[in-house]
Amino acid sequence: MKVSFIATMLAAVYGGASLASAGVVITPVFADQVVKKSAGDCPYGVVTPIGCACMKEDIEKQGHGN
């Protein structure tokens, strides 16, 4: 039981670290935070100065907004 808990926690930590290093923005952004795409940027969503993200309007359309 303890081994699986530790393995799960390690996977969460290392999985989160790899996601963060990929340049994925977790917080939705607004239109004034978006920059122009270059070749190979963000196959989904929009580009921000710190990585790829979903637009706030897209999240609200899906029913996940506040």
N, C-alpha and C. Protein backbone atom coordinates (compact mmCIF):
# COMPACT_ATOMS: atom_id res chain seq x y z
N MET A 1 0.83 -1.19 0.00
CA MET A 1 0.00 0.00 0.00
C MET A 1 0.87 1.26 0.00
N LYS A 2 1.88 1.30 0.85
CA LYS A 2 2.75 2.48 0.91
C LYS A 2 3.54 2.65 -0.38
N VAL A 3 3.94 1.54 -0.98
CA VAL A 3 4.73 1.61 -2.21
C VAL A 3 3.90 2.23 -3.33
N SER A 4 2.65 1.83 -3.47
CA SER A 4 1.82 2.39 -4.54
C SER A 4 1.52 3.86 -4.29
N PHE A 5 1.36 4.25 -3.03
CA PHE A 5 1.14 5.66 -2.71
C PHE A 5 2.36 6.49 -3.09
N ILE A 6 3.53 6.00 -2.73
CA ILE A 6 4.77 6.71 -3.05
C ILE A 6 4.96 6.79 -4.56
N ALA A 7 4.68 5.70 -5.26
CA ALA A 7 4.81 5.69 -6.72
C ALA A 7 3.84 6.69 -7.35
N THR A 8 2.63 6.75 -6.83
CA THR A 8 1.64 7.70 -7.34
C THR A 8 2.09 9.14 -7.11
N MET A 9 2.61 9.42 -5.94
CA MET A 9 3.07 10.77 -5.62
C MET A 9 4.26 11.17 -6.51
N LEU A 10 5.18 10.25 -6.71
CA LEU A 10 6.33 10.54 -7.58
C LEU A 10 5.88 10.79 -9.02
N ALA A 11 4.93 10.00 -9.49
CA ALA A 11 4.42 10.19 -10.84
C ALA A 11 3.75 11.55 -10.98
N ALA A 12 3.01 11.96 -9.96
CA ALA A 12 2.35 13.27 -9.99
C ALA A 12 3.37 14.40 -10.01
N VAL A 13 4.40 14.28 -9.21
CA VAL A 13 5.43 15.33 -9.15
C VAL A 13 6.19 15.41 -10.46
N TYR A 14 6.67 14.28 -10.96
CA TYR A 14 7.45 14.29 -12.19
C TYR A 14 6.57 14.58 -13.41
N GLY A 15 5.33 14.12 -13.39
CA GLY A 15 4.41 14.43 -14.48
C GLY A 15 4.11 15.92 -14.54
N GLY A 16 3.90 16.53 -13.38
CA GLY A 16 3.65 17.97 -13.32
C GLY A 16 4.86 18.76 -13.76
N ALA A 17 6.04 18.29 -13.39
CA ALA A 17 7.27 18.99 -13.78
C ALA A 17 7.45 18.95 -15.29
N SER A 18 7.16 17.82 -15.91
CA SER A 18 7.33 17.74 -17.36
C SER A 18 6.30 18.60 -18.07
N LEU A 19 5.09 18.69 -17.52
CA LEU A 19 4.06 19.54 -18.11
C LEU A 19 4.47 21.00 -18.02
N ALA A 20 4.99 21.40 -16.87
CA ALA A 20 5.42 22.79 -16.69
C ALA A 20 6.59 23.13 -17.61
N SER A 21 7.49 22.20 -17.78
CA SER A 21 8.65 22.47 -18.64
C SER A 21 8.27 22.49 -20.11
N ALA A 22 7.09 21.96 -20.45
CA ALA A 22 6.64 21.97 -21.83
C ALA A 22 6.13 23.34 -22.25
N GLY A 23 5.99 24.26 -21.31
CA GLY A 23 5.52 25.60 -21.63
C GLY A 23 4.02 25.69 -21.73
N VAL A 24 3.29 24.86 -21.02
CA VAL A 24 1.83 24.88 -21.03
C VAL A 24 1.35 25.79 -19.91
N VAL A 25 0.51 26.77 -20.25
CA VAL A 25 -0.05 27.68 -19.25
C VAL A 25 -1.33 27.05 -18.71
N ILE A 26 -1.42 26.89 -17.41
CA ILE A 26 -2.59 26.25 -16.81
C ILE A 26 -3.74 27.24 -16.63
N THR A 27 -3.46 28.49 -16.38
CA THR A 27 -4.48 29.51 -16.18
C THR A 27 -4.98 30.03 -17.52
N PRO A 28 -6.31 30.09 -17.74
CA PRO A 28 -6.82 30.64 -19.00
C PRO A 28 -6.38 32.09 -19.19
N VAL A 29 -6.19 32.49 -20.43
CA VAL A 29 -5.72 33.84 -20.74
C VAL A 29 -6.80 34.62 -21.47
N PHE A 30 -6.62 35.92 -21.53
CA PHE A 30 -7.54 36.81 -22.23
C PHE A 30 -6.88 37.28 -23.53
N ALA A 31 -7.66 37.89 -24.41
CA ALA A 31 -7.19 38.29 -25.73
C ALA A 31 -5.97 39.21 -25.68
N ASP A 32 -5.88 40.07 -24.67
CA ASP A 32 -4.75 40.99 -24.61
C ASP A 32 -3.45 40.33 -24.16
N GLN A 33 -3.49 39.03 -23.85
CA GLN A 33 -2.30 38.29 -23.44
C GLN A 33 -1.77 37.38 -24.54
N VAL A 34 -2.41 37.39 -25.70
CA VAL A 34 -2.07 36.50 -26.81
C VAL A 34 -1.08 37.19 -27.74
N VAL A 35 -0.08 36.42 -28.20
CA VAL A 35 0.88 36.92 -29.18
C VAL A 35 0.75 36.13 -30.47
N LYS A 36 1.31 36.67 -31.55
CA LYS A 36 1.23 36.04 -32.87
C LYS A 36 1.97 34.71 -32.88
N LYS A 37 1.36 33.70 -33.55
CA LYS A 37 1.99 32.38 -33.67
C LYS A 37 3.12 32.41 -34.68
N SER A 38 4.14 31.62 -34.41
CA SER A 38 5.22 31.36 -35.37
C SER A 38 5.11 29.90 -35.80
N ALA A 39 5.84 29.51 -36.80
CA ALA A 39 5.81 28.13 -37.28
C ALA A 39 6.16 27.17 -36.14
N GLY A 40 5.32 26.18 -35.94
CA GLY A 40 5.58 25.17 -34.92
C GLY A 40 5.08 25.52 -33.52
N ASP A 41 4.48 26.69 -33.35
CA ASP A 41 3.96 27.09 -32.04
C ASP A 41 2.59 26.48 -31.79
N CYS A 42 2.38 26.01 -30.59
CA CYS A 42 1.07 25.62 -30.07
C CYS A 42 0.13 24.99 -31.10
N PRO A 43 0.18 23.68 -31.26
CA PRO A 43 -0.73 23.03 -32.20
C PRO A 43 -2.20 23.15 -31.78
N TYR A 44 -2.44 23.58 -30.56
CA TYR A 44 -3.79 23.80 -30.04
C TYR A 44 -3.78 25.13 -29.28
N GLY A 45 -4.92 25.74 -29.10
CA GLY A 45 -5.00 26.96 -28.30
C GLY A 45 -4.28 28.14 -28.92
N VAL A 46 -3.80 29.02 -28.05
CA VAL A 46 -3.14 30.26 -28.47
C VAL A 46 -1.76 30.35 -27.85
N VAL A 47 -0.96 31.30 -28.35
CA VAL A 47 0.40 31.50 -27.84
C VAL A 47 0.42 32.70 -26.90
N THR A 48 1.06 32.54 -25.75
CA THR A 48 1.29 33.65 -24.83
C THR A 48 2.80 33.81 -24.68
N PRO A 49 3.26 34.88 -24.06
CA PRO A 49 4.70 35.04 -23.88
C PRO A 49 5.34 33.91 -23.06
N ILE A 50 4.55 33.18 -22.28
CA ILE A 50 5.13 32.11 -21.47
C ILE A 50 4.72 30.71 -21.89
N GLY A 51 3.97 30.55 -22.99
CA GLY A 51 3.62 29.22 -23.46
C GLY A 51 2.26 29.16 -24.13
N CYS A 52 1.76 27.95 -24.34
CA CYS A 52 0.46 27.72 -24.97
C CYS A 52 -0.64 27.80 -23.91
N ALA A 53 -1.85 28.17 -24.36
CA ALA A 53 -2.96 28.28 -23.41
C ALA A 53 -4.29 28.19 -24.12
N CYS A 54 -5.35 28.04 -23.33
CA CYS A 54 -6.72 28.13 -23.82
C CYS A 54 -7.20 29.55 -23.59
N MET A 55 -8.02 30.05 -24.48
CA MET A 55 -8.60 31.38 -24.29
C MET A 55 -9.73 31.30 -23.27
N LYS A 56 -9.93 32.33 -22.50
CA LYS A 56 -11.00 32.38 -21.49
C LYS A 56 -12.35 32.14 -22.14
N GLU A 57 -12.60 32.71 -23.33
CA GLU A 57 -13.87 32.54 -24.01
C GLU A 57 -14.11 31.08 -24.37
N ASP A 58 -13.07 30.36 -24.78
CA ASP A 58 -13.19 28.95 -25.13
C ASP A 58 -13.60 28.13 -23.92
N ILE A 59 -13.05 28.43 -22.77
CA ILE A 59 -13.37 27.71 -21.53
C ILE A 59 -14.82 27.97 -21.16
N GLU A 60 -15.28 29.22 -21.28
CA GLU A 60 -16.66 29.55 -20.93
C GLU A 60 -17.64 28.86 -21.87
N LYS A 61 -17.31 28.75 -23.16
CA LYS A 61 -18.17 28.07 -24.12
C LYS A 61 -18.35 26.60 -23.75
N GLN A 62 -17.32 26.01 -23.18
CA GLN A 62 -17.37 24.60 -22.79
C GLN A 62 -18.06 24.41 -21.44
N GLY A 63 -18.43 25.50 -20.78
CA GLY A 63 -19.12 25.40 -19.50
C GLY A 63 -18.20 25.24 -18.32
N HIS A 64 -16.91 25.55 -18.48
CA HIS A 64 -15.95 25.39 -17.39
C HIS A 64 -15.57 26.72 -16.76
N GLY A 65 -16.11 27.82 -17.24
CA GLY A 65 -15.75 29.13 -16.70
C GLY A 65 -16.47 29.44 -15.41
N ASN A 66 -16.06 30.51 -14.75
CA ASN A 66 -16.71 30.92 -13.50
C ASN A 66 -17.86 31.84 -13.75
